[in-house]
Amino acid sequence: MDDGHLRLTEPMVREGGRLRPASWEEALTRAASGFASAREQGPQAFGMFSCSKTTNEMNYMAQKFTRAVMHSNNVDSCNRT
């Protein structure tokens, strides 16, 4: 079924304001570099927002990653209803 949406089949990286295909190694290296840069800027440079429709385990991992790896307490979700 084609609903007009494209499905990504390979990693993409932004270069010069445009997305281009990349290897998994390049994409993961760039992502890790971005997380490291945010962590170096201090706890206010990173925040995590998770969804109430996901599992408790996934929300737990999101907050654990934010606090233990990124050293930030900026964790929120939409489960206030």
N, C-alpha and C. Protein backbone atom coordinates (compact mmCIF):
# COMPACT_ATOMS: atom_id res chain seq x y z
N MET A 1 0.85 -1.18 0.00
CA MET A 1 0.00 0.00 0.00
C MET A 1 0.89 1.24 0.00
N ASP A 2 0.72 2.11 -0.93
CA ASP A 2 1.49 3.34 -1.03
C ASP A 2 0.61 4.50 -0.59
N ASP A 3 0.95 5.09 0.55
CA ASP A 3 0.16 6.22 1.04
C ASP A 3 0.87 7.55 0.80
N GLY A 4 1.85 7.53 -0.10
CA GLY A 4 2.54 8.76 -0.44
C GLY A 4 3.73 9.08 0.44
N HIS A 5 4.02 8.23 1.42
CA HIS A 5 5.15 8.45 2.31
C HIS A 5 6.34 7.61 1.87
N LEU A 6 7.51 8.17 2.05
CA LEU A 6 8.73 7.43 1.73
C LEU A 6 9.24 6.73 2.97
N ARG A 7 9.82 5.60 2.77
CA ARG A 7 10.40 4.85 3.88
C ARG A 7 11.91 4.90 3.74
N LEU A 8 12.59 5.25 4.84
CA LEU A 8 14.05 5.27 4.81
C LEU A 8 14.57 3.84 4.75
N THR A 9 15.54 3.63 3.89
CA THR A 9 16.13 2.29 3.75
C THR A 9 17.61 2.29 4.09
N GLU A 10 18.16 3.47 4.40
CA GLU A 10 19.56 3.59 4.77
C GLU A 10 19.72 4.84 5.64
N PRO A 11 20.80 4.90 6.41
CA PRO A 11 21.01 6.09 7.25
C PRO A 11 21.21 7.34 6.38
N MET A 12 20.78 8.46 6.92
CA MET A 12 20.94 9.74 6.25
C MET A 12 21.64 10.69 7.21
N VAL A 13 22.52 11.54 6.68
CA VAL A 13 23.18 12.57 7.48
C VAL A 13 22.98 13.91 6.79
N ARG A 14 22.96 14.95 7.62
CA ARG A 14 22.78 16.30 7.07
C ARG A 14 24.14 16.91 6.79
N GLU A 15 24.27 17.43 5.58
CA GLU A 15 25.52 18.05 5.16
C GLU A 15 25.17 19.27 4.31
N GLY A 16 25.60 20.43 4.75
CA GLY A 16 25.28 21.65 4.01
C GLY A 16 23.79 21.92 3.93
N GLY A 17 23.04 21.51 4.96
CA GLY A 17 21.60 21.75 4.98
C GLY A 17 20.77 20.73 4.22
N ARG A 18 21.42 19.74 3.62
CA ARG A 18 20.71 18.71 2.86
C ARG A 18 21.02 17.32 3.42
N LEU A 19 20.07 16.42 3.30
CA LEU A 19 20.30 15.04 3.72
C LEU A 19 20.93 14.26 2.58
N ARG A 20 21.86 13.37 2.96
CA ARG A 20 22.48 12.49 1.98
C ARG A 20 22.66 11.11 2.61
N PRO A 21 22.66 10.07 1.79
CA PRO A 21 22.88 8.72 2.31
C PRO A 21 24.26 8.60 2.96
N ALA A 22 24.36 7.76 3.99
CA ALA A 22 25.63 7.55 4.68
C ALA A 22 25.71 6.10 5.13
N SER A 23 26.91 5.68 5.48
CA SER A 23 27.09 4.33 6.03
C SER A 23 26.60 4.33 7.48
N TRP A 24 26.31 3.15 7.99
CA TRP A 24 25.92 3.04 9.39
C TRP A 24 27.02 3.55 10.30
N GLU A 25 28.26 3.26 9.96
CA GLU A 25 29.39 3.70 10.79
C GLU A 25 29.44 5.23 10.87
N GLU A 26 29.29 5.89 9.73
CA GLU A 26 29.32 7.36 9.73
C GLU A 26 28.14 7.92 10.52
N ALA A 27 26.95 7.39 10.30
CA ALA A 27 25.75 7.89 10.98
C ALA A 27 25.85 7.71 12.49
N LEU A 28 26.29 6.54 12.93
CA LEU A 28 26.41 6.29 14.36
C LEU A 28 27.52 7.12 15.00
N THR A 29 28.61 7.32 14.26
CA THR A 29 29.70 8.17 14.77
C THR A 29 29.22 9.60 14.94
N ARG A 30 28.45 10.10 13.98
CA ARG A 30 27.91 11.46 14.09
C ARG A 30 26.92 11.57 15.25
N ALA A 31 26.08 10.56 15.43
CA ALA A 31 25.13 10.60 16.53
C ALA A 31 25.86 10.59 17.87
N ALA A 32 26.85 9.72 18.01
CA ALA A 32 27.62 9.65 19.26
C ALA A 32 28.34 10.96 19.52
N SER A 33 28.86 11.57 18.48
CA SER A 33 29.54 12.86 18.61
C SER A 33 28.57 13.94 19.08
N GLY A 34 27.37 13.92 18.58
CA GLY A 34 26.35 14.89 19.00
C GLY A 34 25.98 14.72 20.46
N PHE A 35 25.81 13.47 20.91
CA PHE A 35 25.51 13.22 22.32
C PHE A 35 26.67 13.67 23.20
N ALA A 36 27.91 13.37 22.79
CA ALA A 36 29.08 13.76 23.56
C ALA A 36 29.19 15.28 23.65
N SER A 37 28.92 15.96 22.56
CA SER A 37 28.97 17.43 22.56
C SER A 37 27.94 18.01 23.52
N ALA A 38 26.72 17.48 23.50
CA ALA A 38 25.67 17.96 24.41
C ALA A 38 26.07 17.71 25.86
N ARG A 39 26.63 16.54 26.13
CA ARG A 39 27.03 16.20 27.51
C ARG A 39 28.12 17.15 28.00
N GLU A 40 29.07 17.51 27.12
CA GLU A 40 30.15 18.43 27.49
C GLU A 40 29.63 19.83 27.80
N GLN A 41 28.51 20.21 27.20
CA GLN A 41 27.95 21.55 27.42
C GLN A 41 27.22 21.67 28.75
N GLY A 42 27.00 20.55 29.43
CA GLY A 42 26.35 20.58 30.73
C GLY A 42 24.93 20.04 30.69
N PRO A 43 24.35 19.83 31.88
CA PRO A 43 23.05 19.16 31.97
C PRO A 43 21.88 19.90 31.33
N GLN A 44 21.99 21.21 31.14
CA GLN A 44 20.89 21.95 30.53
C GLN A 44 20.88 21.84 29.01
N ALA A 45 21.91 21.24 28.43
CA ALA A 45 22.01 21.15 26.97
C ALA A 45 21.25 19.96 26.39
N PHE A 46 20.72 19.10 27.24
CA PHE A 46 20.05 17.89 26.75
C PHE A 46 18.76 17.68 27.51
N GLY A 47 17.74 17.26 26.80
CA GLY A 47 16.48 16.89 27.42
C GLY A 47 15.87 15.72 26.67
N MET A 48 15.07 14.94 27.38
CA MET A 48 14.43 13.76 26.79
C MET A 48 12.93 13.88 26.97
N PHE A 49 12.19 13.67 25.91
CA PHE A 49 10.73 13.62 25.98
C PHE A 49 10.30 12.25 25.50
N SER A 50 9.54 11.55 26.33
CA SER A 50 9.07 10.23 25.92
C SER A 50 7.54 10.22 25.90
N CYS A 51 7.00 9.18 25.34
CA CYS A 51 5.56 9.11 25.10
C CYS A 51 4.87 8.18 26.09
N SER A 52 3.69 8.57 26.52
CA SER A 52 2.93 7.73 27.45
C SER A 52 2.37 6.49 26.76
N LYS A 53 2.38 6.46 25.44
CA LYS A 53 1.85 5.30 24.72
C LYS A 53 2.88 4.19 24.56
N THR A 54 4.11 4.44 24.95
CA THR A 54 5.11 3.38 24.89
C THR A 54 5.09 2.59 26.20
N THR A 55 5.93 1.59 26.31
CA THR A 55 5.91 0.74 27.50
C THR A 55 6.59 1.43 28.68
N ASN A 56 6.28 0.98 29.88
CA ASN A 56 6.95 1.48 31.08
C ASN A 56 8.45 1.24 30.99
N GLU A 57 8.82 0.09 30.44
CA GLU A 57 10.24 -0.24 30.31
C GLU A 57 10.96 0.76 29.40
N MET A 58 10.32 1.14 28.30
CA MET A 58 10.94 2.09 27.38
C MET A 58 11.06 3.47 28.03
N ASN A 59 10.03 3.90 28.76
CA ASN A 59 10.11 5.17 29.48
C ASN A 59 11.19 5.12 30.56
N TYR A 60 11.31 3.99 31.24
CA TYR A 60 12.36 3.83 32.25
C TYR A 60 13.74 3.96 31.61
N MET A 61 13.94 3.30 30.47
CA MET A 61 15.24 3.38 29.79
C MET A 61 15.53 4.80 29.31
N ALA A 62 14.51 5.52 28.86
CA ALA A 62 14.70 6.90 28.41
C ALA A 62 15.19 7.78 29.56
N GLN A 63 14.54 7.65 30.72
CA GLN A 63 14.98 8.48 31.85
C GLN A 63 16.31 8.01 32.40
N LYS A 64 16.58 6.72 32.36
CA LYS A 64 17.87 6.20 32.83
C LYS A 64 19.01 6.71 31.95
N PHE A 65 18.81 6.67 30.63
CA PHE A 65 19.81 7.18 29.70
C PHE A 65 20.06 8.66 29.95
N THR A 66 18.97 9.42 30.09
CA THR A 66 19.11 10.87 30.28
C THR A 66 19.87 11.19 31.56
N ARG A 67 19.57 10.48 32.64
CA ARG A 67 20.20 10.78 33.92
C ARG A 67 21.59 10.18 34.04
N ALA A 68 21.76 8.91 33.68
CA ALA A 68 23.03 8.23 33.90
C ALA A 68 24.07 8.53 32.82
N VAL A 69 23.64 8.65 31.57
CA VAL A 69 24.59 8.85 30.48
C VAL A 69 24.78 10.34 30.17
N MET A 70 23.66 11.06 30.07
CA MET A 70 23.74 12.47 29.69
C MET A 70 23.88 13.41 30.90
N HIS A 71 23.76 12.88 32.10
CA HIS A 71 23.91 13.66 33.34
C HIS A 71 22.93 14.83 33.40
N SER A 72 21.70 14.59 32.98
CA SER A 72 20.67 15.62 32.95
C SER A 72 19.41 15.09 33.63
N ASN A 73 18.70 15.97 34.29
CA ASN A 73 17.41 15.60 34.87
C ASN A 73 16.24 16.11 34.03
N ASN A 74 16.52 16.58 32.82
CA ASN A 74 15.50 17.12 31.94
C ASN A 74 14.77 15.99 31.22
N VAL A 75 13.85 15.36 31.93
CA VAL A 75 13.07 14.26 31.39
C VAL A 75 11.59 14.60 31.54
N ASP A 76 10.83 14.43 30.48
CA ASP A 76 9.40 14.72 30.55
C ASP A 76 8.66 13.73 29.65
N SER A 77 7.37 13.67 29.85
CA SER A 77 6.53 12.85 29.00
C SER A 77 5.13 13.41 28.99
N CYS A 78 4.28 12.83 28.20
CA CYS A 78 2.92 13.35 28.06
C CYS A 78 1.91 12.55 28.88
N ASN A 79 2.35 11.91 29.97
CA ASN A 79 1.40 11.09 30.74
C ASN A 79 0.86 11.82 31.95
N ARG A 80 0.36 13.02 31.75
CA ARG A 80 -0.26 13.77 32.83
C ARG A 80 -1.78 13.71 32.76
N THR A 81 -2.33 13.00 31.82
CA THR A 81 -3.77 13.00 31.65
C THR A 81 -4.46 12.06 32.60
